Amino acid sequence: MKTINELKEKIESDVKDEMESINIALCNGVHPLMLFVPDFYKDGCKSEVINLTRENVISQMQEYIGFAFEKARDQRGISAGRSIWKFQQWLWALEDTEITYFDFEDYGIALLTKIAKKYGLIVKDI
């Protein structure tokens, strides 16, 4: 599991990277790992920071997996791509070394299925 400092460094690096910054912009300027890093919250909102634990990262994946499948099944290219990018970030934080190939041929359906099965994510119709 990555540390808060590693997440912070990655986010700061991604903001400076041309391609990664596009993905962040497509997420309304919110990197999915920011939720775990207090430095990215205003002082009055720091109580909303999600504790960085394996369970909480997987919980974020669970909250998002249904939406990701919906976009993939509807062949919504940009939205499906954004979903895969978010899962890449969460898997990086979890230091997953098994899921490293992010094939997008089927809008990510096969990859999302693999992630859901590995992490026990509940999804209708998979």
N, C-alpha and C. Protein backbone atom coordinates (compact mmCIF):
# COMPACT_ATOMS: atom_id res chain seq x y z
N MET A 1 0.85 -1.18 0.00
CA MET A 1 0.00 0.00 0.00
C MET A 1 0.90 1.24 0.00
N LYS A 2 0.59 2.16 -0.89
CA LYS A 2 1.36 3.42 -0.94
C LYS A 2 1.06 4.26 0.30
N THR A 3 1.94 5.20 0.57
CA THR A 3 1.75 6.11 1.70
C THR A 3 1.07 7.39 1.23
N ILE A 4 0.62 8.18 2.19
CA ILE A 4 0.02 9.47 1.86
C ILE A 4 1.02 10.34 1.12
N ASN A 5 2.27 10.34 1.54
CA ASN A 5 3.29 11.14 0.86
C ASN A 5 3.49 10.69 -0.58
N GLU A 6 3.46 9.38 -0.82
CA GLU A 6 3.59 8.87 -2.19
C GLU A 6 2.40 9.30 -3.04
N LEU A 7 1.21 9.27 -2.46
CA LEU A 7 0.02 9.73 -3.19
C LEU A 7 0.16 11.21 -3.52
N LYS A 8 0.58 11.99 -2.56
CA LYS A 8 0.74 13.43 -2.76
C LYS A 8 1.75 13.70 -3.88
N GLU A 9 2.87 13.01 -3.85
CA GLU A 9 3.88 13.19 -4.90
C GLU A 9 3.34 12.81 -6.27
N LYS A 10 2.59 11.73 -6.34
CA LYS A 10 2.02 11.29 -7.62
C LYS A 10 1.03 12.32 -8.14
N ILE A 11 0.17 12.80 -7.28
CA ILE A 11 -0.82 13.78 -7.69
C ILE A 11 -0.13 15.03 -8.21
N GLU A 12 0.85 15.52 -7.47
CA GLU A 12 1.57 16.72 -7.89
C GLU A 12 2.28 16.50 -9.22
N SER A 13 2.83 15.32 -9.42
CA SER A 13 3.48 14.97 -10.68
C SER A 13 2.46 14.89 -11.81
N ASP A 14 1.32 14.26 -11.54
CA ASP A 14 0.27 14.11 -12.56
C ASP A 14 -0.27 15.46 -13.00
N VAL A 15 -0.40 16.40 -12.07
CA VAL A 15 -0.90 17.74 -12.40
C VAL A 15 0.04 18.42 -13.40
N LYS A 16 1.33 18.14 -13.28
CA LYS A 16 2.33 18.76 -14.17
C LYS A 16 2.47 18.03 -15.51
N ASP A 17 2.02 16.79 -15.57
CA ASP A 17 2.14 15.97 -16.77
C ASP A 17 1.00 16.31 -17.74
N GLU A 18 1.33 16.54 -19.00
CA GLU A 18 0.33 16.99 -19.97
C GLU A 18 -0.83 16.00 -20.11
N MET A 19 -0.55 14.74 -20.30
CA MET A 19 -1.62 13.75 -20.49
C MET A 19 -2.40 13.50 -19.19
N GLU A 20 -1.68 13.38 -18.11
CA GLU A 20 -2.35 13.13 -16.83
C GLU A 20 -3.23 14.32 -16.43
N SER A 21 -2.77 15.52 -16.72
CA SER A 21 -3.56 16.70 -16.35
C SER A 21 -4.86 16.76 -17.14
N ILE A 22 -4.86 16.19 -18.34
CA ILE A 22 -6.12 16.11 -19.11
C ILE A 22 -7.09 15.19 -18.39
N ASN A 23 -6.60 14.05 -17.93
CA ASN A 23 -7.47 13.13 -17.18
C ASN A 23 -8.02 13.78 -15.92
N ILE A 24 -7.18 14.52 -15.23
CA ILE A 24 -7.64 15.23 -14.03
C ILE A 24 -8.70 16.25 -14.39
N ALA A 25 -8.48 16.98 -15.47
CA ALA A 25 -9.47 17.98 -15.92
C ALA A 25 -10.80 17.30 -16.26
N LEU A 26 -10.73 16.12 -16.87
CA LEU A 26 -11.95 15.38 -17.21
C LEU A 26 -12.70 14.90 -15.96
N CYS A 27 -12.02 14.92 -14.83
CA CYS A 27 -12.63 14.54 -13.55
C CYS A 27 -12.94 15.79 -12.73
N ASN A 28 -13.27 16.86 -13.41
CA ASN A 28 -13.59 18.14 -12.76
C ASN A 28 -12.46 18.65 -11.87
N GLY A 29 -11.23 18.35 -12.27
CA GLY A 29 -10.07 18.84 -11.54
C GLY A 29 -9.75 18.08 -10.27
N VAL A 30 -10.41 16.94 -10.07
CA VAL A 30 -10.19 16.16 -8.86
C VAL A 30 -9.52 14.83 -9.22
N HIS A 31 -8.30 14.67 -8.78
CA HIS A 31 -7.59 13.40 -8.95
C HIS A 31 -8.20 12.42 -7.96
N PRO A 32 -8.48 11.18 -8.35
CA PRO A 32 -9.15 10.26 -7.42
C PRO A 32 -8.36 9.96 -6.15
N LEU A 33 -7.07 10.20 -6.16
CA LEU A 33 -6.28 9.95 -4.95
C LEU A 33 -6.29 11.13 -3.99
N MET A 34 -6.78 12.28 -4.44
CA MET A 34 -6.85 13.46 -3.58
C MET A 34 -7.72 13.22 -2.35
N LEU A 35 -8.69 12.35 -2.47
CA LEU A 35 -9.62 12.09 -1.37
C LEU A 35 -8.93 11.58 -0.12
N PHE A 36 -7.71 11.04 -0.30
CA PHE A 36 -6.97 10.43 0.82
C PHE A 36 -5.86 11.33 1.37
N VAL A 37 -5.68 12.51 0.79
CA VAL A 37 -4.53 13.35 1.15
C VAL A 37 -5.02 14.66 1.78
N PRO A 38 -4.81 14.84 3.07
CA PRO A 38 -5.30 16.05 3.76
C PRO A 38 -4.82 17.36 3.15
N ASP A 39 -3.62 17.37 2.57
CA ASP A 39 -3.07 18.60 2.00
C ASP A 39 -3.92 19.17 0.87
N PHE A 40 -4.78 18.36 0.29
CA PHE A 40 -5.60 18.84 -0.81
C PHE A 40 -6.99 19.31 -0.37
N TYR A 41 -7.20 19.38 0.93
CA TYR A 41 -8.46 19.85 1.49
C TYR A 41 -8.26 21.22 2.13
N LYS A 42 -9.27 22.05 2.05
CA LYS A 42 -9.25 23.33 2.77
C LYS A 42 -9.31 23.02 4.26
N ASP A 43 -8.82 23.96 5.06
CA ASP A 43 -8.75 23.74 6.51
C ASP A 43 -10.09 23.33 7.11
N GLY A 44 -11.16 23.95 6.71
CA GLY A 44 -12.47 23.64 7.27
C GLY A 44 -13.06 22.32 6.81
N CYS A 45 -12.41 21.68 5.86
CA CYS A 45 -12.96 20.45 5.28
C CYS A 45 -12.09 19.22 5.54
N LYS A 46 -11.03 19.39 6.29
CA LYS A 46 -10.09 18.28 6.50
C LYS A 46 -10.75 17.08 7.19
N SER A 47 -11.85 17.28 7.88
CA SER A 47 -12.54 16.16 8.52
C SER A 47 -13.18 15.23 7.49
N GLU A 48 -13.26 15.67 6.23
CA GLU A 48 -13.85 14.86 5.17
C GLU A 48 -12.84 13.94 4.49
N VAL A 49 -11.56 14.07 4.86
CA VAL A 49 -10.52 13.23 4.27
C VAL A 49 -10.82 11.77 4.59
N ILE A 50 -10.67 10.92 3.60
CA ILE A 50 -10.86 9.49 3.79
C ILE A 50 -9.52 8.89 4.25
N ASN A 51 -9.54 8.13 5.33
CA ASN A 51 -8.31 7.50 5.81
C ASN A 51 -7.76 6.56 4.74
N LEU A 52 -6.46 6.64 4.55
CA LEU A 52 -5.81 5.81 3.54
C LEU A 52 -5.60 4.40 4.09
N THR A 53 -6.54 3.54 3.74
CA THR A 53 -6.44 2.11 4.08
C THR A 53 -6.82 1.32 2.83
N ARG A 54 -6.39 0.09 2.80
CA ARG A 54 -6.75 -0.79 1.68
C ARG A 54 -8.28 -0.87 1.55
N GLU A 55 -8.94 -1.04 2.67
CA GLU A 55 -10.40 -1.17 2.66
C GLU A 55 -11.07 0.08 2.10
N ASN A 56 -10.57 1.26 2.45
CA ASN A 56 -11.18 2.50 1.96
C ASN A 56 -10.92 2.73 0.47
N VAL A 57 -9.76 2.32 -0.02
CA VAL A 57 -9.50 2.43 -1.47
C VAL A 57 -10.45 1.49 -2.20
N ILE A 58 -10.58 0.28 -1.71
CA ILE A 58 -11.50 -0.68 -2.35
C ILE A 58 -12.93 -0.18 -2.25
N SER A 59 -13.28 0.48 -1.16
CA SER A 59 -14.61 1.06 -1.02
C SER A 59 -14.88 2.11 -2.10
N GLN A 60 -13.88 2.93 -2.41
CA GLN A 60 -14.02 3.91 -3.48
C GLN A 60 -14.22 3.20 -4.82
N MET A 61 -13.50 2.11 -5.01
CA MET A 61 -13.65 1.32 -6.24
C MET A 61 -15.07 0.75 -6.33
N GLN A 62 -15.57 0.26 -5.20
CA GLN A 62 -16.93 -0.28 -5.16
C GLN A 62 -17.96 0.78 -5.51
N GLU A 63 -17.79 1.97 -4.96
CA GLU A 63 -18.73 3.05 -5.24
C GLU A 63 -18.75 3.42 -6.72
N TYR A 64 -17.65 3.23 -7.41
CA TYR A 64 -17.53 3.69 -8.79
C TYR A 64 -17.75 2.61 -9.84
N ILE A 65 -17.62 1.34 -9.47
CA ILE A 65 -17.61 0.26 -10.46
C ILE A 65 -18.91 0.19 -11.28
N GLY A 66 -20.05 0.41 -10.68
CA GLY A 66 -21.31 0.35 -11.43
C GLY A 66 -21.37 1.42 -12.51
N PHE A 67 -20.97 2.62 -12.16
CA PHE A 67 -20.94 3.73 -13.12
C PHE A 67 -19.96 3.41 -14.25
N ALA A 68 -18.80 2.85 -13.89
CA ALA A 68 -17.78 2.51 -14.89
C ALA A 68 -18.33 1.48 -15.88
N PHE A 69 -19.01 0.46 -15.38
CA PHE A 69 -19.60 -0.55 -16.28
C PHE A 69 -20.67 0.07 -17.17
N GLU A 70 -21.46 0.95 -16.60
CA GLU A 70 -22.51 1.61 -17.39
C GLU A 70 -21.90 2.36 -18.57
N LYS A 71 -20.85 3.12 -18.33
CA LYS A 71 -20.20 3.88 -19.40
C LYS A 71 -19.55 2.96 -20.42
N ALA A 72 -18.96 1.87 -19.95
CA ALA A 72 -18.33 0.91 -20.87
C ALA A 72 -19.39 0.22 -21.74
N ARG A 73 -20.46 -0.21 -21.12
CA ARG A 73 -21.52 -0.90 -21.87
C ARG A 73 -22.19 0.02 -22.88
N ASP A 74 -22.30 1.30 -22.53
CA ASP A 74 -22.91 2.28 -23.44
C ASP A 74 -21.91 2.79 -24.48
N GLN A 75 -20.69 2.26 -24.44
CA GLN A 75 -19.62 2.64 -25.37
C GLN A 75 -19.38 4.15 -25.37
N ARG A 76 -19.34 4.70 -24.20
CA ARG A 76 -19.06 6.12 -24.00
C ARG A 76 -17.56 6.27 -23.86
N GLY A 77 -16.87 6.44 -24.96
CA GLY A 77 -15.42 6.41 -25.03
C GLY A 77 -14.69 7.25 -24.01
N ILE A 78 -14.99 8.54 -23.95
CA ILE A 78 -14.27 9.42 -23.02
C ILE A 78 -14.61 9.06 -21.57
N SER A 79 -15.86 8.84 -21.28
CA SER A 79 -16.26 8.47 -19.92
C SER A 79 -15.69 7.12 -19.51
N ALA A 80 -15.71 6.16 -20.44
CA ALA A 80 -15.15 4.84 -20.14
C ALA A 80 -13.64 4.95 -19.92
N GLY A 81 -12.98 5.75 -20.72
CA GLY A 81 -11.54 5.95 -20.56
C GLY A 81 -11.21 6.60 -19.23
N ARG A 82 -12.00 7.56 -18.83
CA ARG A 82 -11.81 8.23 -17.54
C ARG A 82 -11.98 7.21 -16.41
N SER A 83 -12.95 6.32 -16.54
CA SER A 83 -13.17 5.30 -15.52
C SER A 83 -11.96 4.39 -15.39
N ILE A 84 -11.42 3.95 -16.50
CA ILE A 84 -10.25 3.07 -16.47
C ILE A 84 -9.08 3.81 -15.82
N TRP A 85 -8.92 5.09 -16.15
CA TRP A 85 -7.85 5.87 -15.56
C TRP A 85 -7.99 5.94 -14.03
N LYS A 86 -9.22 6.12 -13.54
CA LYS A 86 -9.43 6.15 -12.09
C LYS A 86 -9.04 4.82 -11.45
N PHE A 87 -9.41 3.72 -12.09
CA PHE A 87 -9.04 2.43 -11.54
C PHE A 87 -7.53 2.22 -11.57
N GLN A 88 -6.87 2.73 -12.59
CA GLN A 88 -5.41 2.67 -12.62
C GLN A 88 -4.82 3.35 -11.39
N GLN A 89 -5.37 4.49 -11.02
CA GLN A 89 -4.87 5.24 -9.86
C GLN A 89 -5.08 4.44 -8.57
N TRP A 90 -6.27 3.90 -8.41
CA TRP A 90 -6.56 3.13 -7.19
C TRP A 90 -5.69 1.88 -7.12
N LEU A 91 -5.51 1.20 -8.24
CA LEU A 91 -4.67 -0.01 -8.25
C LEU A 91 -3.21 0.35 -7.96
N TRP A 92 -2.76 1.50 -8.45
CA TRP A 92 -1.41 1.97 -8.14
C TRP A 92 -1.27 2.17 -6.63
N ALA A 93 -2.27 2.81 -6.02
CA ALA A 93 -2.24 3.06 -4.58
C ALA A 93 -2.21 1.75 -3.79
N LEU A 94 -2.90 0.75 -4.30
CA LEU A 94 -2.94 -0.56 -3.64
C LEU A 94 -1.68 -1.38 -3.93
N GLU A 95 -0.83 -0.88 -4.80
CA GLU A 95 0.37 -1.59 -5.25
C GLU A 95 0.03 -2.94 -5.86
N ASP A 96 -1.02 -2.95 -6.67
CA ASP A 96 -1.43 -4.16 -7.37
C ASP A 96 -0.42 -4.44 -8.47
N THR A 97 0.20 -5.60 -8.42
CA THR A 97 1.18 -5.97 -9.44
C THR A 97 0.63 -7.01 -10.41
N GLU A 98 -0.61 -7.42 -10.21
CA GLU A 98 -1.23 -8.41 -11.10
C GLU A 98 -1.97 -7.75 -12.26
N ILE A 99 -2.65 -6.67 -12.00
CA ILE A 99 -3.43 -6.00 -13.05
C ILE A 99 -2.61 -4.80 -13.51
N THR A 100 -1.89 -4.99 -14.59
CA THR A 100 -1.00 -3.93 -15.07
C THR A 100 -1.25 -3.59 -16.53
N TYR A 101 -2.05 -4.38 -17.21
CA TYR A 101 -2.34 -4.13 -18.62
C TYR A 101 -3.74 -3.57 -18.71
N PHE A 102 -3.84 -2.34 -19.17
CA PHE A 102 -5.12 -1.65 -19.17
C PHE A 102 -5.70 -1.57 -20.58
N ASP A 103 -6.08 -2.75 -21.10
CA ASP A 103 -6.66 -2.88 -22.43
C ASP A 103 -8.00 -2.12 -22.48
N PHE A 104 -8.19 -1.43 -23.58
CA PHE A 104 -9.40 -0.61 -23.70
C PHE A 104 -10.20 -0.97 -24.95
N GLU A 105 -9.89 -2.13 -25.56
CA GLU A 105 -10.56 -2.51 -26.81
C GLU A 105 -12.07 -2.61 -26.66
N ASP A 106 -12.55 -3.10 -25.56
CA ASP A 106 -13.98 -3.28 -25.33
C ASP A 106 -14.53 -2.23 -24.37
N TYR A 107 -13.93 -1.04 -24.44
CA TYR A 107 -14.28 0.07 -23.54
C TYR A 107 -13.96 -0.26 -22.09
N GLY A 108 -13.12 -1.27 -21.90
CA GLY A 108 -12.68 -1.63 -20.56
C GLY A 108 -13.51 -2.67 -19.85
N ILE A 109 -14.49 -3.26 -20.52
CA ILE A 109 -15.38 -4.23 -19.85
C ILE A 109 -14.60 -5.41 -19.29
N ALA A 110 -13.70 -6.00 -20.08
CA ALA A 110 -12.93 -7.16 -19.59
C ALA A 110 -12.07 -6.76 -18.39
N LEU A 111 -11.46 -5.61 -18.46
CA LEU A 111 -10.61 -5.14 -17.36
C LEU A 111 -11.44 -4.87 -16.11
N LEU A 112 -12.57 -4.20 -16.26
CA LEU A 112 -13.44 -3.93 -15.12
C LEU A 112 -13.94 -5.23 -14.49
N THR A 113 -14.23 -6.22 -15.32
CA THR A 113 -14.67 -7.52 -14.82
C THR A 113 -13.56 -8.16 -14.00
N LYS A 114 -12.34 -8.10 -14.50
CA LYS A 114 -11.19 -8.66 -13.79
C LYS A 114 -10.98 -7.96 -12.44
N ILE A 115 -11.08 -6.64 -12.44
CA ILE A 115 -10.93 -5.87 -11.20
C ILE A 115 -12.03 -6.22 -10.21
N ALA A 116 -13.26 -6.26 -10.71
CA ALA A 116 -14.41 -6.56 -9.84
C ALA A 116 -14.25 -7.94 -9.19
N LYS A 117 -13.84 -8.92 -9.97
CA LYS A 117 -13.69 -10.27 -9.42
C LYS A 117 -12.55 -10.33 -8.42
N LYS A 118 -11.43 -9.72 -8.73
CA LYS A 118 -10.27 -9.77 -7.84
C LYS A 118 -10.56 -9.10 -6.49
N TYR A 119 -11.27 -7.98 -6.52
CA TYR A 119 -11.48 -7.20 -5.30
C TYR A 119 -12.86 -7.44 -4.68
N GLY A 120 -13.63 -8.37 -5.23
CA GLY A 120 -14.93 -8.70 -4.66
C GLY A 120 -15.94 -7.57 -4.79
N LEU A 121 -15.81 -6.78 -5.85
CA LEU A 121 -16.73 -5.66 -6.07
C LEU A 121 -18.05 -6.20 -6.60
N ILE A 122 -19.13 -5.71 -6.07
CA ILE A 122 -20.45 -6.18 -6.46
C ILE A 122 -20.96 -5.34 -7.62
N VAL A 123 -21.29 -6.04 -8.70
CA VAL A 123 -21.79 -5.38 -9.90
C VAL A 123 -22.91 -6.23 -10.48
N LYS A 124 -23.96 -5.60 -10.90
CA LYS A 124 -25.04 -6.32 -11.57
C LYS A 124 -24.55 -6.84 -12.91
N ASP A 125 -24.98 -8.00 -13.28
CA ASP A 125 -24.81 -8.53 -14.64
C ASP A 125 -23.37 -8.72 -15.08
N ILE A 126 -22.50 -9.19 -14.20
CA ILE A 126 -21.18 -9.60 -14.71
C ILE A 126 -20.93 -11.04 -14.36
